[in-house]
Amino acid sequence: MKQELKIQLIDTHAGGDVSRIVTGGIDALPGGSVRAQMEYLRDDADGLRKLLLEEPYGIPEMSVDLLVPPSDPRAAAGYIIMEVMGYPIYSGSNTICTATAVLDAGIVPMKEGKQDFFLESPAGLVRIEARVENGVVEAITCEGLPSYIHTHRASIEVPSIGRVIYSVAYSGGFYALVDAEALGFDLTLDEEQELARAAHRIVEAIQAETGFSHYTLGDVGPLPFLHFMGPVQQVAEGYYRSRSATYVHPGVICRSTTGTGTSARLALMDYEGLIHPGDKLETVSLRETGFIGEFSAIEQEDEYRVVKNNITGKGYVIARSDIVVNCEDSLVDCDGLHHILSSRMSQ
């Protein structure tokens, strides 16, 4: 007799960023909200994140979204976002992927045309609009978190780079926003490794010099992200396009431009008077994929101009599978997993 631990997955991607949607095999987590369940997973069962993002099952460039029961009765499902840097309370690409997966799995019945439903993230309720054509999810539009500029055009001396001008936005996490051309980058795929190295140096320098506090959330930890901005081109009335690249972890440039990176960019363009409510920005990645951010409204919170926005992208289902967790495998660390993994005994 041997113990076999299984996790059910739907692998998806949006803009090239792979999100593994965990649909089964995990026991119910304590907590009266998705946020509380996330905090339990983070503090008492972080082994699941490590298991699915490290060898032999995954790589750091992936993300994981665990489906959990929502606390808000309007939501079809809750989801907890896990990435190599930890547990972000929101992510545009992960939301697009999760929405695609719940439609694919029938958790939300798929209907032709446009349909609306809600998901519950650790940040709260998220409205989803799905566009389905011939049984295929062609686009997902989700609410981005209200975004604002915390710091505008500060400067810092960065080892081996020199003086760097940056702004800081909050859009679900704090982002440093940097002009790519000013650092000599064209934002092409062959620059990916050098972009990651430069971003790491800049983020380390900012972390060493200053911290950032959200006007309601307070201290949310050191600034983790950097968004390289290419030149903005106006391609139609109220429609703009810009090459972009988002750094999230040492050595990792996202394959997509990221939803939260796009939201941060909208906040900066509003702060600088470059866009108005109703305008759209298409961000284009190193791999020529894109998300479309729409600036929907402006609100005033304390001293901050807060940009409400929506992010549109397409998710693709790339695999449906069971992962078999073998705790006897020397590459697998099962510490902290047995109390959340549903187990089966088999021959």
Foldseek 3Di string as FASTA:
>chain_A
DDWWFKWWWFWKFWLQAIETETDDFWAAADDLAQLRSQVCCQPQFVQVLCQCCDPPRHHQSHKYWYWHDHNDVQALIEIWIAHPVGTQQDWDGNVQQVVQVCCVVVSPPDDAAWDWGWYATSVGIKIWIFHDDPNFGPKIKIWWAWKWWPAAFDWFQFPPQGIFTWTWMDGSAIETEGAQVVSPDPQAPVCLQVVLVVFVRVQVRDQVPDADADPPRGGPDGHFKYKHWYDWDDPDVLEIETEMWMHGDRRDIHSESIPSNLLNVVNVCVVVVNHDQQHKYWYAHNVRGTKIKGFHDWDDDPPIIITIIMIMTHMDGDDIDMDIDDCVDPRRDCVSPPVTGDMDDDD
